[in-house]
Amino acid sequence: MSYLNRLNPEEIDLLLDHPKGFKNQKADIKILNDYKDDKALSNFVEDKVFRESFESVEVFKQVPLF
């Protein structure tokens, strides 16, 4: 079970809260990968929304330098 030593605290908490967590290494890796994929997707969506709103506001605030 050496893979457990490489887990960070956030991953350990996630596996402790999951009903199938810490059953075996394959299941744990799948749970962590699914979580990372979901987190990456939500970060991408948030970033996209932020950039769209930021760009639309910045267009009106641009002042020519010369």
N, C-alpha and C. Protein backbone atom coordinates (compact mmCIF):
# COMPACT_ATOMS: atom_id res chain seq x y z
N MET A 1 0.82 -1.19 0.00
CA MET A 1 0.00 0.00 0.00
C MET A 1 0.87 1.26 0.00
N SER A 2 1.91 1.25 -0.75
CA SER A 2 2.80 2.40 -0.79
C SER A 2 2.18 3.61 -1.48
N TYR A 3 1.16 3.39 -2.30
CA TYR A 3 0.52 4.52 -2.97
C TYR A 3 -0.16 5.44 -1.95
N LEU A 4 -0.55 4.92 -0.81
CA LEU A 4 -1.19 5.73 0.21
C LEU A 4 -0.24 6.78 0.78
N ASN A 5 1.04 6.46 0.83
CA ASN A 5 2.02 7.40 1.34
C ASN A 5 2.21 8.61 0.42
N ARG A 6 1.86 8.46 -0.85
CA ARG A 6 2.04 9.55 -1.81
C ARG A 6 0.83 10.46 -1.92
N LEU A 7 -0.25 10.15 -1.24
CA LEU A 7 -1.46 10.96 -1.31
C LEU A 7 -1.31 12.24 -0.48
N ASN A 8 -1.85 13.33 -1.01
CA ASN A 8 -1.82 14.57 -0.23
C ASN A 8 -3.08 14.61 0.65
N PRO A 9 -3.13 15.52 1.62
CA PRO A 9 -4.28 15.55 2.55
C PRO A 9 -5.64 15.72 1.87
N GLU A 10 -5.70 16.50 0.80
CA GLU A 10 -6.97 16.69 0.09
C GLU A 10 -7.45 15.37 -0.51
N GLU A 11 -6.53 14.59 -1.08
CA GLU A 11 -6.89 13.30 -1.67
C GLU A 11 -7.34 12.31 -0.60
N ILE A 12 -6.68 12.33 0.54
CA ILE A 12 -7.05 11.44 1.64
C ILE A 12 -8.46 11.76 2.13
N ASP A 13 -8.75 13.06 2.30
CA ASP A 13 -10.09 13.47 2.74
C ASP A 13 -11.15 13.04 1.73
N LEU A 14 -10.84 13.20 0.45
CA LEU A 14 -11.79 12.81 -0.60
C LEU A 14 -12.08 11.31 -0.53
N LEU A 15 -11.03 10.50 -0.39
CA LEU A 15 -11.23 9.05 -0.32
C LEU A 15 -11.94 8.62 0.96
N LEU A 16 -11.68 9.32 2.06
CA LEU A 16 -12.37 8.99 3.31
C LEU A 16 -13.87 9.27 3.20
N ASP A 17 -14.23 10.33 2.48
CA ASP A 17 -15.64 10.70 2.34
C ASP A 17 -16.36 9.87 1.29
N HIS A 18 -15.64 9.22 0.41
CA HIS A 18 -16.26 8.44 -0.67
C HIS A 18 -16.60 7.04 -0.15
N PRO A 19 -17.80 6.54 -0.49
CA PRO A 19 -18.19 5.22 0.03
C PRO A 19 -17.31 4.07 -0.46
N LYS A 20 -16.69 4.21 -1.63
CA LYS A 20 -15.83 3.15 -2.15
C LYS A 20 -14.35 3.46 -1.97
N GLY A 21 -14.05 4.50 -1.19
CA GLY A 21 -12.66 4.89 -0.97
C GLY A 21 -11.90 3.89 -0.13
N PHE A 22 -10.62 3.74 -0.41
CA PHE A 22 -9.69 2.86 0.31
C PHE A 22 -10.05 1.38 0.23
N LYS A 23 -10.79 0.98 -0.82
CA LYS A 23 -11.08 -0.44 -1.01
C LYS A 23 -9.90 -1.14 -1.69
N ASN A 24 -9.43 -0.52 -2.79
CA ASN A 24 -8.23 -1.03 -3.45
C ASN A 24 -7.61 0.10 -4.27
N GLN A 25 -6.40 -0.09 -4.72
CA GLN A 25 -5.67 0.96 -5.41
C GLN A 25 -6.35 1.38 -6.72
N LYS A 26 -6.84 0.43 -7.47
CA LYS A 26 -7.47 0.73 -8.76
C LYS A 26 -8.71 1.61 -8.56
N ALA A 27 -9.54 1.28 -7.60
CA ALA A 27 -10.74 2.07 -7.33
C ALA A 27 -10.37 3.47 -6.83
N ASP A 28 -9.36 3.55 -5.98
CA ASP A 28 -8.93 4.85 -5.45
C ASP A 28 -8.41 5.75 -6.57
N ILE A 29 -7.64 5.18 -7.47
CA ILE A 29 -7.09 5.97 -8.58
C ILE A 29 -8.23 6.47 -9.47
N LYS A 30 -9.23 5.62 -9.71
CA LYS A 30 -10.38 6.05 -10.53
C LYS A 30 -11.15 7.18 -9.84
N ILE A 31 -11.36 7.06 -8.55
CA ILE A 31 -12.07 8.11 -7.80
C ILE A 31 -11.30 9.42 -7.88
N LEU A 32 -9.99 9.37 -7.68
CA LEU A 32 -9.18 10.58 -7.72
C LEU A 32 -9.13 11.19 -9.11
N ASN A 33 -9.04 10.36 -10.14
CA ASN A 33 -9.02 10.87 -11.51
C ASN A 33 -10.35 11.52 -11.88
N ASP A 34 -11.45 10.90 -11.48
CA ASP A 34 -12.77 11.49 -11.73
C ASP A 34 -12.90 12.84 -11.04
N TYR A 35 -12.42 12.90 -9.80
CA TYR A 35 -12.48 14.16 -9.05
C TYR A 35 -11.63 15.23 -9.73
N LYS A 36 -10.43 14.87 -10.16
CA LYS A 36 -9.56 15.84 -10.82
C LYS A 36 -10.14 16.31 -12.14
N ASP A 37 -10.78 15.40 -12.89
CA ASP A 37 -11.42 15.78 -14.15
C ASP A 37 -12.58 16.74 -13.91
N ASP A 38 -13.40 16.44 -12.91
CA ASP A 38 -14.53 17.32 -12.58
C ASP A 38 -14.04 18.69 -12.12
N LYS A 39 -12.98 18.68 -11.31
CA LYS A 39 -12.43 19.93 -10.80
C LYS A 39 -11.83 20.76 -11.94
N ALA A 40 -11.13 20.10 -12.86
CA ALA A 40 -10.54 20.81 -14.00
C ALA A 40 -11.63 21.39 -14.89
N LEU A 41 -12.69 20.65 -15.10
CA LEU A 41 -13.79 21.14 -15.93
C LEU A 41 -14.46 22.35 -15.28
N SER A 42 -14.71 22.27 -13.99
CA SER A 42 -15.36 23.40 -13.32
C SER A 42 -14.44 24.62 -13.31
N ASN A 43 -13.14 24.42 -13.14
CA ASN A 43 -12.20 25.54 -13.19
C ASN A 43 -12.17 26.15 -14.58
N PHE A 44 -12.24 25.32 -15.62
CA PHE A 44 -12.25 25.81 -16.99
C PHE A 44 -13.49 26.66 -17.25
N VAL A 45 -14.64 26.17 -16.81
CA VAL A 45 -15.89 26.90 -17.01
C VAL A 45 -15.86 28.23 -16.26
N GLU A 46 -15.39 28.21 -15.01
CA GLU A 46 -15.30 29.45 -14.24
C GLU A 46 -14.35 30.43 -14.90
N ASP A 47 -13.23 29.94 -15.37
CA ASP A 47 -12.25 30.80 -16.03
C ASP A 47 -12.82 31.39 -17.31
N LYS A 48 -13.55 30.58 -18.07
CA LYS A 48 -14.15 31.05 -19.31
C LYS A 48 -15.17 32.16 -19.04
N VAL A 49 -16.01 31.96 -18.04
CA VAL A 49 -17.01 32.96 -17.68
C VAL A 49 -16.32 34.24 -17.22
N PHE A 50 -15.28 34.10 -16.42
CA PHE A 50 -14.56 35.27 -15.94
C PHE A 50 -13.93 36.04 -17.09
N ARG A 51 -13.29 35.32 -18.01
CA ARG A 51 -12.64 35.99 -19.14
C ARG A 51 -13.66 36.70 -20.03
N GLU A 52 -14.81 36.09 -20.25
CA GLU A 52 -15.84 36.72 -21.08
C GLU A 52 -16.34 38.00 -20.42
N SER A 53 -16.58 37.97 -19.14
CA SER A 53 -17.07 39.17 -18.45
C SER A 53 -15.96 40.21 -18.33
N PHE A 54 -14.73 39.78 -18.12
CA PHE A 54 -13.61 40.70 -17.98
C PHE A 54 -13.34 41.42 -19.30
N GLU A 55 -13.35 40.70 -20.41
CA GLU A 55 -13.08 41.30 -21.71
C GLU A 55 -14.17 42.29 -22.08
N SER A 56 -15.41 41.97 -21.80
CA SER A 56 -16.48 42.88 -22.19
C SER A 56 -16.40 44.19 -21.40
N VAL A 57 -15.98 44.14 -20.15
CA VAL A 57 -15.83 45.35 -19.35
C VAL A 57 -14.61 46.13 -19.81
N GLU A 58 -13.52 45.45 -20.09
CA GLU A 58 -12.28 46.12 -20.49
C GLU A 58 -12.41 46.85 -21.82
N VAL A 59 -13.23 46.39 -22.70
CA VAL A 59 -13.38 47.04 -24.02
C VAL A 59 -13.85 48.48 -23.82
N PHE A 60 -14.71 48.71 -22.86
CA PHE A 60 -15.24 50.05 -22.65
C PHE A 60 -14.28 50.95 -21.88
N LYS A 61 -13.35 50.38 -21.14
CA LYS A 61 -12.46 51.17 -20.31
C LYS A 61 -11.12 51.50 -20.99
N GLN A 62 -10.90 51.03 -22.17
CA GLN A 62 -9.63 51.29 -22.83
C GLN A 62 -9.53 52.75 -23.25
N VAL A 63 -8.39 53.35 -22.93
CA VAL A 63 -8.14 54.74 -23.28
C VAL A 63 -6.90 54.78 -24.16
N PRO A 64 -6.95 55.47 -25.29
CA PRO A 64 -5.77 55.54 -26.15
C PRO A 64 -4.62 56.27 -25.46
N LEU A 65 -3.42 55.76 -25.65
CA LEU A 65 -2.25 56.37 -25.04
C LEU A 65 -1.83 57.65 -25.73
N PHE A 66 -2.05 57.75 -27.04
CA PHE A 66 -1.60 58.94 -27.78
C PHE A 66 -2.74 59.66 -28.42
